[in-house]
Amino acid sequence: MRNAKIVCTLGPASDDRGTIRDLVDAGMSVARLNASHGTPEHRAEVIGDLHRRP
């Protein structure tokens, strides 16, 4: 049996630490960043938050 994966696209409404923590707790296994929003610096901050595994 294959394990299901949960892929979440993070954008302006869902890229803060609290929401990321909630998504991880709910079973998110893959995060996708919507790069059409924000600056490269902000995306780097979100990636850092993801690496810290809130």
PDB file of N, CA and C in Angstrom:
ATOM      1  N   MET A   1       0.845  -1.172   0.000  1.00  0.00           N
ATOM      2  CA  MET A   1       0.000   0.000   0.000  1.00  0.00           C
ATOM      3  C   MET A   1       0.893   1.239   0.000  1.00  0.00           C
ATOM      4  N   ARG A   2       0.522   2.244  -0.785  1.00  0.00           N
ATOM      5  CA  ARG A   2       1.297   3.477  -0.872  1.00  0.00           C
ATOM      6  C   ARG A   2       0.791   4.480   0.142  1.00  0.00           C
ATOM      7  N   ASN A   3       1.716   5.234   0.686  1.00  0.00           N
ATOM      8  CA  ASN A   3       1.348   6.307   1.608  1.00  0.00           C
ATOM      9  C   ASN A   3       0.887   7.516   0.814  1.00  0.00           C
ATOM     10  N   ALA A   4      -0.158   8.156   1.277  1.00  0.00           N
ATOM     11  CA  ALA A   4      -0.640   9.381   0.635  1.00  0.00           C
ATOM     12  C   ALA A   4       0.283  10.536   0.996  1.00  0.00           C
ATOM     13  N   LYS A   5       0.473  11.427   0.065  1.00  0.00           N
ATOM     14  CA  LYS A   5       1.265  12.636   0.292  1.00  0.00           C
ATOM     15  C   LYS A   5       0.319  13.825   0.278  1.00  0.00           C
ATOM     16  N   ILE A   6       0.577  14.774   1.130  1.00  0.00           N
ATOM     17  CA  ILE A   6      -0.215  16.002   1.161  1.00  0.00           C
ATOM     18  C   ILE A   6       0.685  17.134   0.696  1.00  0.00           C
ATOM     19  N   VAL A   7       0.327  17.731  -0.438  1.00  0.00           N
ATOM     20  CA  VAL A   7       1.089  18.825  -1.030  1.00  0.00           C
ATOM     21  C   VAL A   7       0.331  20.119  -0.770  1.00  0.00           C
ATOM     22  N   CYS A   8       0.993  21.098  -0.180  1.00  0.00           N
ATOM     23  CA  CYS A   8       0.370  22.390   0.123  1.00  0.00           C
ATOM     24  C   CYS A   8       1.110  23.490  -0.621  1.00  0.00           C
ATOM     25  N   THR A   9       0.349  24.346  -1.290  1.00  0.00           N
ATOM     26  CA  THR A   9       0.926  25.515  -1.941  1.00  0.00           C
ATOM     27  C   THR A   9       0.859  26.676  -0.967  1.00  0.00           C
ATOM     28  N   LEU A  10       2.012  27.251  -0.657  1.00  0.00           N
ATOM     29  CA  LEU A  10       2.080  28.355   0.289  1.00  0.00           C
ATOM     30  C   LEU A  10       2.104  29.674  -0.464  1.00  0.00           C
ATOM     31  N   GLY A  11       1.257  30.585  -0.034  1.00  0.00           N
ATOM     32  CA  GLY A  11       1.195  31.920  -0.610  1.00  0.00           C
ATOM     33  C   GLY A  11       0.994  32.927   0.505  1.00  0.00           C
ATOM     34  N   PRO A  12       0.574  34.138   0.177  1.00  0.00           N
ATOM     35  CA  PRO A  12       0.442  35.192   1.188  1.00  0.00           C
ATOM     36  C   PRO A  12      -0.473  34.828   2.364  1.00  0.00           C
ATOM     37  N   ALA A  13      -1.483  34.028   2.131  1.00  0.00           N
ATOM     38  CA  ALA A  13      -2.422  33.687   3.202  1.00  0.00           C
ATOM     39  C   ALA A  13      -1.942  32.525   4.067  1.00  0.00           C
ATOM     40  N   SER A  14      -0.867  31.852   3.649  1.00  0.00           N
ATOM     41  CA  SER A  14      -0.489  30.635   4.370  1.00  0.00           C
ATOM     42  C   SER A  14       1.007  30.485   4.606  1.00  0.00           C
ATOM     43  N   ASP A  15       1.782  31.559   4.508  1.00  0.00           N
ATOM     44  CA  ASP A  15       3.226  31.380   4.633  1.00  0.00           C
ATOM     45  C   ASP A  15       3.817  31.900   5.941  1.00  0.00           C
ATOM     46  N   ASP A  16       2.969  32.094   6.958  1.00  0.00           N
ATOM     47  CA  ASP A  16       3.516  32.502   8.257  1.00  0.00           C
ATOM     48  C   ASP A  16       3.833  31.260   9.087  1.00  0.00           C
ATOM     49  N   ARG A  17       4.670  31.423  10.093  1.00  0.00           N
ATOM     50  CA  ARG A  17       5.138  30.275  10.892  1.00  0.00           C
ATOM     51  C   ARG A  17       4.007  29.483  11.534  1.00  0.00           C
ATOM     52  N   GLY A  18       3.008  30.176  12.059  1.00  0.00           N
ATOM     53  CA  GLY A  18       1.905  29.482  12.719  1.00  0.00           C
ATOM     54  C   GLY A  18       1.126  28.604  11.762  1.00  0.00           C
ATOM     55  N   THR A  19       0.855  29.128  10.578  1.00  0.00           N
ATOM     56  CA  THR A  19       0.114  28.352   9.581  1.00  0.00           C
ATOM     57  C   THR A  19       0.945  27.183   9.085  1.00  0.00           C
ATOM     58  N   ILE A  20       2.237  27.413   8.864  1.00  0.00           N
ATOM     59  CA  ILE A  20       3.110  26.316   8.438  1.00  0.00           C
ATOM     60  C   ILE A  20       3.129  25.225   9.500  1.00  0.00           C
ATOM     61  N   ARG A  21       3.227  25.615  10.759  1.00  0.00           N
ATOM     62  CA  ARG A  21       3.206  24.635  11.857  1.00  0.00           C
ATOM     63  C   ARG A  21       1.906  23.835  11.825  1.00  0.00           C
ATOM     64  N   ASP A  22       0.782  24.525  11.640  1.00  0.00           N
ATOM     65  CA  ASP A  22      -0.514  23.844  11.579  1.00  0.00           C
ATOM     66  C   ASP A  22      -0.578  22.870  10.404  1.00  0.00           C
ATOM     67  N   LEU A  23      -0.046  23.269   9.262  1.00  0.00           N
ATOM     68  CA  LEU A  23      -0.056  22.388   8.092  1.00  0.00           C
ATOM     69  C   LEU A  23       0.809  21.153   8.326  1.00  0.00           C
ATOM     70  N   VAL A  24       1.983  21.336   8.938  1.00  0.00           N
ATOM     71  CA  VAL A  24       2.846  20.193   9.254  1.00  0.00           C
ATOM     72  C   VAL A  24       2.132  19.265  10.230  1.00  0.00           C
ATOM     73  N   ASP A  25       1.503  19.829  11.251  1.00  0.00           N
ATOM     74  CA  ASP A  25       0.767  19.019  12.228  1.00  0.00           C
ATOM     75  C   ASP A  25      -0.382  18.257  11.577  1.00  0.00           C
ATOM     76  N   ALA A  26      -0.970  18.840  10.522  1.00  0.00           N
ATOM     77  CA  ALA A  26      -2.092  18.203   9.832  1.00  0.00           C
ATOM     78  C   ALA A  26      -1.630  17.152   8.823  1.00  0.00           C
ATOM     79  N   GLY A  27      -0.304  17.045   8.608  1.00  0.00           N
ATOM     80  CA  GLY A  27       0.207  15.993   7.748  1.00  0.00           C
ATOM     81  C   GLY A  27       0.844  16.436   6.447  1.00  0.00           C
ATOM     82  N   MET A  28       1.107  17.726   6.278  1.00  0.00           N
ATOM     83  CA  MET A  28       1.745  18.196   5.048  1.00  0.00           C
ATOM     84  C   MET A  28       3.076  17.482   4.860  1.00  0.00           C
ATOM     85  N   SER A  29       3.280  16.900   3.674  1.00  0.00           N
ATOM     86  CA  SER A  29       4.545  16.226   3.403  1.00  0.00           C
ATOM     87  C   SER A  29       5.373  16.954   2.347  1.00  0.00           C
ATOM     88  N   VAL A  30       4.744  17.833   1.569  1.00  0.00           N
ATOM     89  CA  VAL A  30       5.443  18.604   0.541  1.00  0.00           C
ATOM     90  C   VAL A  30       4.910  20.027   0.569  1.00  0.00           C
ATOM     91  N   ALA A  31       5.818  20.998   0.552  1.00  0.00           N
ATOM     92  CA  ALA A  31       5.414  22.405   0.477  1.00  0.00           C
ATOM     93  C   ALA A  31       5.848  22.960  -0.873  1.00  0.00           C
ATOM     94  N   ARG A  32       4.926  23.669  -1.507  1.00  0.00           N
ATOM     95  CA  ARG A  32       5.202  24.322  -2.787  1.00  0.00           C
ATOM     96  C   ARG A  32       5.010  25.811  -2.567  1.00  0.00           C
ATOM     97  N   LEU A  33       5.982  26.616  -2.993  1.00  0.00           N
ATOM     98  CA  LEU A  33       5.866  28.067  -2.833  1.00  0.00           C
ATOM     99  C   LEU A  33       5.313  28.684  -4.101  1.00  0.00           C
ATOM    100  N   ASN A  34       4.349  29.578  -3.946  1.00  0.00           N
ATOM    101  CA  ASN A  34       3.830  30.349  -5.063  1.00  0.00           C
ATOM    102  C   ASN A  34       4.754  31.550  -5.231  1.00  0.00           C
ATOM    103  N   ALA A  35       5.667  31.469  -6.184  1.00  0.00           N
ATOM    104  CA  ALA A  35       6.703  32.485  -6.341  1.00  0.00           C
ATOM    105  C   ALA A  35       6.212  33.743  -7.042  1.00  0.00           C
ATOM    106  N   SER A  36       4.943  33.791  -7.411  1.00  0.00           N
ATOM    107  CA  SER A  36       4.431  35.009  -8.043  1.00  0.00           C
ATOM    108  C   SER A  36       4.088  36.070  -7.006  1.00  0.00           C
ATOM    109  N   HIS A  37       4.202  35.724  -5.736  1.00  0.00           N
ATOM    110  CA  HIS A  37       3.923  36.666  -4.651  1.00  0.00           C
ATOM    111  C   HIS A  37       5.191  36.908  -3.845  1.00  0.00           C
ATOM    112  N   GLY A  38       5.345  38.104  -3.337  1.00  0.00           N
ATOM    113  CA  GLY A  38       6.445  38.418  -2.430  1.00  0.00           C
ATOM    114  C   GLY A  38       7.769  38.642  -3.135  1.00  0.00           C
ATOM    115  N   THR A  39       8.759  38.897  -2.309  1.00  0.00           N
ATOM    116  CA  THR A  39      10.110  39.172  -2.800  1.00  0.00           C
ATOM    117  C   THR A  39      10.986  37.933  -2.637  1.00  0.00           C
ATOM    118  N   PRO A  40      12.109  37.896  -3.315  1.00  0.00           N
ATOM    119  CA  PRO A  40      13.028  36.773  -3.107  1.00  0.00           C
ATOM    120  C   PRO A  40      13.457  36.647  -1.641  1.00  0.00           C
ATOM    121  N   GLU A  41      13.615  37.778  -0.960  1.00  0.00           N
ATOM    122  CA  GLU A  41      14.008  37.739   0.452  1.00  0.00           C
ATOM    123  C   GLU A  41      12.913  37.097   1.306  1.00  0.00           C
ATOM    124  N   HIS A  42      11.658  37.441   1.019  1.00  0.00           N
ATOM    125  CA  HIS A  42      10.547  36.861   1.783  1.00  0.00           C
ATOM    126  C   HIS A  42      10.457  35.357   1.525  1.00  0.00           C
ATOM    127  N   ARG A  43      10.628  34.946   0.268  1.00  0.00           N
ATOM    128  CA  ARG A  43      10.589  33.513  -0.047  1.00  0.00           C
ATOM    129  C   ARG A  43      11.721  32.787   0.670  1.00  0.00           C
ATOM    130  N   ALA A  44      12.893  33.398   0.763  1.00  0.00           N
ATOM    131  CA  ALA A  44      14.011  32.783   1.484  1.00  0.00           C
ATOM    132  C   ALA A  44      13.668  32.614   2.960  1.00  0.00           C
ATOM    133  N   GLU A  45      12.966  33.586   3.529  1.00  0.00           N
ATOM    134  CA  GLU A  45      12.537  33.490   4.928  1.00  0.00           C
ATOM    135  C   GLU A  45      11.550  32.337   5.115  1.00  0.00           C
ATOM    136  N   VAL A  46      10.607  32.194   4.193  1.00  0.00           N
ATOM    137  CA  VAL A  46       9.633  31.098   4.276  1.00  0.00           C
ATOM    138  C   VAL A  46      10.344  29.757   4.143  1.00  0.00           C
ATOM    139  N   ILE A  47      11.294  29.663   3.231  1.00  0.00           N
ATOM    140  CA  ILE A  47      12.056  28.420   3.070  1.00  0.00           C
ATOM    141  C   ILE A  47      12.818  28.106   4.350  1.00  0.00           C
ATOM    142  N   GLY A  48      13.384  29.124   4.987  1.00  0.00           N
ATOM    143  CA  GLY A  48      14.060  28.918   6.268  1.00  0.00           C
ATOM    144  C   GLY A  48      13.108  28.390   7.325  1.00  0.00           C
ATOM    145  N   ASP A  49      11.889  28.936   7.362  1.00  0.00           N
ATOM    146  CA  ASP A  49      10.879  28.450   8.311  1.00  0.00           C
ATOM    147  C   ASP A  49      10.556  26.985   8.041  1.00  0.00           C
ATOM    148  N   LEU A  50      10.471  26.605   6.776  1.00  0.00           N
ATOM    149  CA  LEU A  50      10.181  25.209   6.428  1.00  0.00           C
ATOM    150  C   LEU A  50      11.326  24.292   6.848  1.00  0.00           C
ATOM    151  N   HIS A  51      12.550  24.737   6.681  1.00  0.00           N
ATOM    152  CA  HIS A  51      13.709  23.918   7.059  1.00  0.00           C
ATOM    153  C   HIS A  51      13.796  23.732   8.572  1.00  0.00           C
ATOM    154  N   ARG A  52      13.318  24.710   9.316  1.00  0.00           N
ATOM    155  CA  ARG A  52      13.339  24.592  10.784  1.00  0.00           C
ATOM    156  C   ARG A  52      12.261  23.644  11.286  1.00  0.00           C
ATOM    157  N   ARG A  53      11.406  23.177  10.403  1.00  0.00           N
ATOM    158  CA  ARG A  53      10.323  22.226  10.737  1.00  0.00           C
ATOM    159  C   ARG A  53       9.596  22.650  12.006  1.00  0.00           C
ATOM    160  N   PRO A  54       8.762  23.684  11.888  1.00  0.00           N
ATOM    161  CA  PRO A  54       8.072  24.242  13.074  1.00  0.00           C
ATOM    162  C   PRO A  54       7.277  23.215  13.838  1.00  0.00           C
TER     163      PRO A  54
END
